[in-house]
Amino acid sequence: MKKTAPIFVLIAGCLWGSMGIFVRGLSLYGFTSLEIGALRVFGALLFLGTGIFLYNRKMFRIRLKDLWCFFGTGIVSIVFFNYCYFTTIQLTSLSVAAVLLYTAPVIVTTLSIFLFKEQFHAKKLLALVMAFTGCVLVTGILSQKLTLTTGGILLGLGAGFGYAMYSIFGRYAIERGYESLTISFYTFLFACFGFFPLIDIKHLAECFEPEWRLAGLLAGLVMLNTVIAYLTYTIGLTYMEAGRASILASIEPVVASVIGFFLYKERLSMVTLLGVVLVLGSAVIVNLEMENGKK
């Protein structure tokens, strides 16, 4: 599994990168960003709960002393990240929010050195710098006029922190012997409780329409962007360092840009293409490191 771990993480990053397809579609029905986030975790919770109930009910078992791990992945990561990220977009711009979000690999790598005793060397530093620089270029922020506020910057960094926390708390849950299905289920359970006070249930209900297109969008959002994405990322995280996994997941904005080019006719500049090359290069470095057996 160690050899295939990077593939699982890359699959997760690609699936997260495709989320814009479903988010754009659902926004046309009037759903807000936080409501879409809530639908993701609630749908994933129902699906995983049903699956575990039918497959192996023992996976529901967790120790009370380990609840903080799932509070971390569900509340500190998913809910806090969503709130900070979407508020940052309102205060600054999508590009600024995206750049601040992709400080996450830096945060994960730094914390992992102290928390999990992961080694930090020149190749990992190079991969980290390439991944972050590539994400900056892919967002197109260098060609735009920036709208910066102190609150926006702090919340953007908070989004990056929250995004990073899934790798940190997920690693703790893995070290305590929990499988990816159990971790994902309790992550979404806690996230549901966290989202509840942030959304307008009445407005959410008003946006639903009895048609197949809406059902398809919700199914894609829940299954592809949430259930499969988090399961594959957690599986990959089980067999590789948190820092490396976070760097590999930086493939997400690359996939989003490619999808934007082919589906929405968005422009791909030379700067964007350079960013794509840098992110892909960082993934190659991380994968070569693992094949060479460096821990």
Protein backbone atom coordinates (compact mmCIF):
# COMPACT_ATOMS: atom_id res chain seq x y z
CA MET A 1 0.00 0.00 0.00
CA LYS A 2 2.93 2.37 0.57
CA LYS A 3 3.68 2.41 -3.16
CA THR A 4 0.09 3.27 -4.08
CA ALA A 5 -0.48 5.79 -1.25
CA PRO A 6 0.47 8.80 -3.44
CA ILE A 7 -2.06 7.65 -6.04
CA PHE A 8 -4.86 7.71 -3.45
CA VAL A 9 -3.90 11.24 -2.38
CA LEU A 10 -3.71 12.43 -6.00
CA ILE A 11 -7.15 10.95 -6.68
CA ALA A 12 -8.51 12.90 -3.70
CA GLY A 13 -6.87 16.12 -4.94
CA CYS A 14 -8.32 15.60 -8.43
CA LEU A 15 -11.79 14.99 -7.03
CA TRP A 16 -11.60 18.12 -4.87
CA GLY A 17 -10.42 20.02 -7.93
CA SER A 18 -13.56 18.98 -9.83
CA MET A 19 -15.87 20.33 -7.13
CA GLY A 20 -16.43 23.57 -9.04
CA ILE A 21 -18.60 21.70 -11.55
CA PHE A 22 -21.13 20.75 -8.90
CA VAL A 23 -20.83 23.94 -6.84
CA ARG A 24 -21.54 26.11 -9.89
CA GLY A 25 -24.54 24.00 -10.77
CA LEU A 26 -25.98 24.04 -7.27
CA SER A 27 -25.46 27.79 -6.91
CA LEU A 28 -27.87 28.29 -9.82
CA TYR A 29 -30.59 26.84 -7.59
CA GLY A 30 -29.89 29.49 -4.94
CA PHE A 31 -27.82 27.47 -2.48
CA THR A 32 -25.21 29.51 -0.60
CA SER A 33 -21.63 28.31 -0.23
CA LEU A 34 -22.12 27.28 3.40
CA GLU A 35 -25.37 25.49 2.52
CA ILE A 36 -23.50 23.53 -0.15
CA GLY A 37 -20.87 22.66 2.45
CA ALA A 38 -23.58 21.46 4.81
CA LEU A 39 -25.20 19.34 2.08
CA ARG A 40 -21.82 17.73 1.38
CA VAL A 41 -21.23 16.54 4.91
CA PHE A 42 -24.86 15.59 5.63
CA GLY A 43 -25.14 13.50 2.46
CA ALA A 44 -21.76 11.88 3.11
CA LEU A 45 -22.77 11.10 6.70
CA LEU A 46 -25.97 9.34 5.55
CA PHE A 47 -24.14 7.33 2.90
CA LEU A 48 -21.23 6.27 5.11
CA GLY A 49 -23.52 5.56 8.06
CA THR A 50 -25.67 3.27 5.93
CA GLY A 51 -22.62 1.58 4.43
CA ILE A 52 -20.97 0.90 7.79
CA PHE A 53 -24.29 -0.35 9.24
CA LEU A 54 -24.61 -2.90 6.43
CA TYR A 55 -20.92 -3.78 6.08
CA ASN A 56 -19.39 -3.83 9.58
CA ARG A 57 -21.11 -2.18 12.53
CA LYS A 58 -17.97 -2.57 14.63
CA MET A 59 -16.57 0.39 12.71
CA PHE A 60 -18.96 2.64 14.66
CA ARG A 61 -16.99 1.91 17.81
CA ILE A 62 -14.66 4.62 19.05
CA ARG A 63 -13.16 5.43 22.43
CA LEU A 64 -14.53 8.48 24.22
CA LYS A 65 -11.00 9.65 24.96
CA ASP A 66 -10.41 9.89 21.18
CA LEU A 67 -13.38 12.14 20.41
CA TRP A 68 -11.04 15.13 20.18
CA CYS A 69 -9.53 13.64 16.99
CA PHE A 70 -12.89 13.74 15.21
CA PHE A 71 -13.76 17.12 16.69
CA GLY A 72 -10.55 18.25 15.05
CA THR A 73 -11.24 16.77 11.61
CA GLY A 74 -14.92 17.76 11.64
CA ILE A 75 -15.15 21.11 13.44
CA VAL A 76 -11.62 22.55 13.45
CA SER A 77 -10.96 21.41 9.89
CA ILE A 78 -14.08 21.16 7.72
CA VAL A 79 -16.42 23.68 9.41
CA PHE A 80 -13.77 26.23 10.39
CA PHE A 81 -12.11 25.99 6.96
CA ASN A 82 -15.41 26.50 5.09
CA TYR A 83 -16.46 29.45 7.23
CA CYS A 84 -13.09 31.20 6.96
CA TYR A 85 -12.67 30.50 3.26
CA PHE A 86 -16.05 31.77 2.12
CA THR A 87 -15.86 34.81 4.41
CA THR A 88 -12.41 35.59 2.98
CA ILE A 89 -13.85 35.56 -0.55
CA GLN A 90 -16.42 38.15 0.56
CA LEU A 91 -13.77 40.39 2.16
CA THR A 92 -11.05 40.07 -0.50
CA SER A 93 -11.32 38.05 -3.72
CA LEU A 94 -11.38 34.45 -4.88
CA SER A 95 -7.71 34.58 -5.93
CA VAL A 96 -6.49 36.02 -2.62
CA ALA A 97 -8.56 33.48 -0.70
CA ALA A 98 -7.15 30.63 -2.81
CA VAL A 99 -3.53 31.71 -2.27
CA LEU A 100 -3.99 32.00 1.49
CA LEU A 101 -5.74 28.62 1.51
CA TYR A 102 -2.73 26.96 -0.07
CA THR A 103 -0.53 27.87 2.83
CA ALA A 104 -1.94 24.58 4.16
CA PRO A 105 0.96 22.36 2.98
CA VAL A 106 3.41 24.71 4.71
CA ILE A 107 1.40 24.49 7.93
CA VAL A 108 1.06 20.69 7.74
CA THR A 109 4.75 20.17 6.99
CA THR A 110 5.87 22.51 9.76
CA LEU A 111 3.57 21.03 12.40
CA SER A 112 4.42 17.47 11.36
CA ILE A 113 8.10 18.10 12.12
CA PHE A 114 7.25 18.83 15.75
CA LEU A 115 4.19 16.62 16.28
CA PHE A 116 5.13 13.48 14.34
CA LYS A 117 8.92 13.86 14.13
CA GLU A 118 8.82 13.90 10.33
CA GLN A 119 12.17 14.70 8.75
CA PHE A 120 12.63 17.89 6.77
CA HIS A 121 15.29 18.01 4.09
CA ALA A 122 16.18 19.81 0.86
CA LYS A 123 13.98 17.78 -1.49
CA LYS A 124 10.90 18.19 0.68
CA LEU A 125 11.59 21.94 0.93
CA LEU A 126 11.94 22.12 -2.86
CA ALA A 127 8.65 20.25 -3.38
CA LEU A 128 6.91 22.52 -0.86
CA VAL A 129 8.18 25.72 -2.50
CA MET A 130 7.28 24.44 -5.96
CA ALA A 131 3.78 23.43 -4.87
CA PHE A 132 3.01 26.75 -3.19
CA THR A 133 4.51 28.83 -6.01
CA GLY A 134 2.59 26.76 -8.55
CA CYS A 135 -0.68 27.33 -6.67
CA VAL A 136 -0.01 31.08 -6.58
CA LEU A 137 0.58 31.15 -10.35
CA VAL A 138 -2.45 28.98 -11.13
CA THR A 139 -4.78 31.34 -9.26
CA GLY A 140 -3.75 34.21 -11.56
CA ILE A 141 -3.32 36.51 -8.60
CA LEU A 142 -0.21 38.19 -10.08
CA SER A 143 -2.23 39.66 -12.94
CA GLN A 144 -4.99 41.10 -10.77
CA LYS A 145 -5.47 44.13 -8.59
CA LEU A 146 -5.49 42.90 -5.02
CA THR A 147 -8.20 43.69 -2.52
CA LEU A 148 -6.60 43.20 0.88
CA THR A 149 -7.97 43.79 4.35
CA THR A 150 -6.52 42.78 7.70
CA GLY A 151 -9.62 40.72 8.49
CA GLY A 152 -9.52 39.08 5.08
CA ILE A 153 -5.87 38.09 5.43
CA LEU A 154 -6.37 36.67 8.92
CA LEU A 155 -9.45 34.72 7.88
CA GLY A 156 -7.65 33.48 4.76
CA LEU A 157 -4.79 32.19 6.88
CA GLY A 158 -7.45 30.66 9.14
CA ALA A 159 -8.83 28.82 6.11
CA GLY A 160 -5.36 27.48 5.35
CA PHE A 161 -5.00 26.42 8.96
CA GLY A 162 -8.37 24.67 8.96
CA TYR A 163 -7.61 22.96 5.66
CA ALA A 164 -4.33 21.71 7.13
CA MET A 165 -5.91 20.38 10.29
CA TYR A 166 -7.55 17.41 8.56
CA SER A 167 -4.09 15.98 7.86
CA ILE A 168 -2.96 16.63 11.44
CA PHE A 169 -5.99 15.31 13.33
CA GLY A 170 -6.48 12.57 10.74
CA ARG A 171 -2.93 11.38 11.43
CA TYR A 172 -3.67 11.24 15.16
CA ALA A 173 -6.82 9.18 14.50
CA ILE A 174 -4.86 6.80 12.25
CA GLU A 175 -2.19 6.33 14.92
CA ARG A 176 -4.95 5.35 17.34
CA GLY A 177 -5.93 2.48 15.06
CA TYR A 178 -9.04 3.85 13.33
CA GLU A 179 -9.79 2.95 9.71
CA SER A 180 -10.58 5.49 7.00
CA LEU A 181 -14.32 4.68 7.03
CA THR A 182 -14.59 5.31 10.76
CA ILE A 183 -12.54 8.51 10.58
CA SER A 184 -14.61 9.87 7.69
CA PHE A 185 -17.94 8.98 9.32
CA TYR A 186 -17.20 10.74 12.61
CA THR A 187 -15.59 13.65 10.78
CA PHE A 188 -18.85 14.29 8.93
CA LEU A 189 -20.92 13.68 12.06
CA PHE A 190 -19.08 16.42 13.95
CA ALA A 191 -19.14 18.65 10.87
CA CYS A 192 -22.94 18.36 10.66
CA PHE A 193 -23.26 19.65 14.21
CA GLY A 194 -20.88 22.47 13.36
CA PHE A 195 -22.71 23.55 10.21
CA PHE A 196 -26.18 23.50 11.78
CA PRO A 197 -26.02 26.94 13.47
CA LEU A 198 -24.40 28.52 10.38
CA ILE A 199 -27.15 27.86 7.84
CA ASP A 200 -30.76 28.89 7.29
CA ILE A 201 -32.72 25.63 7.21
CA LYS A 202 -35.81 27.34 5.75
CA HIS A 203 -33.84 28.84 2.86
CA LEU A 204 -32.08 25.53 2.28
CA ALA A 205 -35.43 23.74 1.95
CA GLU A 206 -36.77 26.41 -0.42
CA CYS A 207 -33.91 25.80 -2.86
CA PHE A 208 -34.80 22.16 -3.44
CA GLU A 209 -36.64 21.25 -6.62
CA PRO A 210 -37.92 17.79 -7.66
CA GLU A 211 -35.78 17.30 -10.77
CA TRP A 212 -33.06 14.91 -11.92
CA ARG A 213 -30.43 17.56 -12.61
CA LEU A 214 -30.43 18.74 -9.00
CA ALA A 215 -30.32 15.13 -7.79
CA GLY A 216 -27.35 14.43 -10.06
CA LEU A 217 -25.45 17.48 -8.85
CA LEU A 218 -26.02 16.53 -5.22
CA ALA A 219 -24.98 12.93 -5.89
CA GLY A 220 -21.76 14.08 -7.55
CA LEU A 221 -20.99 16.53 -4.76
CA VAL A 222 -21.58 13.95 -2.05
CA MET A 223 -20.09 10.86 -3.66
CA LEU A 224 -17.18 12.19 -5.71
CA ASN A 225 -16.14 15.39 -3.93
CA THR A 226 -16.79 14.19 -0.39
CA VAL A 227 -17.13 10.46 0.31
CA ILE A 228 -14.61 9.09 -2.19
CA ALA A 229 -12.28 12.10 -1.91
CA TYR A 230 -11.97 11.98 1.88
CA LEU A 231 -11.76 8.19 1.96
CA THR A 232 -8.95 8.06 -0.60
CA TYR A 233 -7.06 10.91 1.07
CA THR A 234 -7.32 9.22 4.47
CA ILE A 235 -6.18 5.91 3.00
CA GLY A 236 -3.18 7.64 1.45
CA LEU A 237 -2.46 9.47 4.69
CA THR A 238 -2.37 6.12 6.48
CA TYR A 239 0.73 5.06 4.54
CA MET A 240 2.65 8.31 4.05
CA GLU A 241 3.77 11.39 5.94
CA ALA A 242 1.20 14.13 6.49
CA GLY A 243 3.50 16.74 4.97
CA ARG A 244 3.99 14.78 1.76
CA ALA A 245 0.26 14.04 1.47
CA SER A 246 -0.57 17.72 1.83
CA ILE A 247 1.91 18.66 -0.91
CA LEU A 248 0.46 16.06 -3.28
CA ALA A 249 -3.07 17.32 -2.63
CA SER A 250 -1.96 20.65 -4.11
CA ILE A 251 -2.90 19.10 -7.45
CA GLU A 252 -6.43 20.40 -6.68
CA PRO A 253 -6.11 23.92 -8.23
CA VAL A 254 -4.39 22.44 -11.29
CA VAL A 255 -7.36 20.16 -11.94
CA ALA A 256 -9.76 23.05 -11.33
CA SER A 257 -7.92 25.18 -13.92
CA VAL A 258 -7.93 22.40 -16.51
CA ILE A 259 -11.65 21.80 -15.99
CA GLY A 260 -12.28 25.55 -16.25
CA PHE A 261 -10.43 25.63 -19.57
CA PHE A 262 -12.27 22.70 -21.16
CA LEU A 263 -15.76 23.12 -19.70
CA TYR A 264 -16.10 26.85 -19.13
CA LYS A 265 -13.71 28.23 -21.78
CA GLU A 266 -11.61 29.95 -19.15
CA ARG A 267 -8.27 31.29 -20.33
CA LEU A 268 -5.03 29.44 -19.55
CA SER A 269 -2.12 31.88 -19.65
CA MET A 270 1.57 30.97 -19.82
CA VAL A 271 1.84 31.93 -16.14
CA THR A 272 -0.95 29.48 -15.30
CA LEU A 273 0.72 26.73 -17.32
CA LEU A 274 3.99 27.39 -15.48
CA GLY A 275 2.10 26.98 -12.21
CA VAL A 276 0.70 23.66 -13.45
CA VAL A 277 4.20 22.45 -14.29
CA LEU A 278 5.52 23.46 -10.85
CA VAL A 279 2.73 21.66 -8.98
CA LEU A 280 3.15 18.53 -11.09
CA GLY A 281 6.91 18.74 -10.55
CA SER A 282 6.44 18.87 -6.79
CA ALA A 283 4.29 15.73 -6.99
CA VAL A 284 7.02 13.95 -8.93
CA ILE A 285 9.63 14.89 -6.32
CA VAL A 286 7.45 13.63 -3.46
CA ASN A 287 6.78 10.36 -5.27
CA LEU A 288 10.46 9.80 -6.09
CA GLU A 289 11.35 10.44 -2.46
CA MET A 290 8.99 7.71 -1.32
CA GLU A 291 10.28 5.25 -3.93
CA ASN A 292 13.82 5.88 -2.72
CA GLY A 293 12.69 4.91 0.78
CA LYS A 294 13.38 8.25 2.47
CA LYS A 295 11.34 8.78 5.62
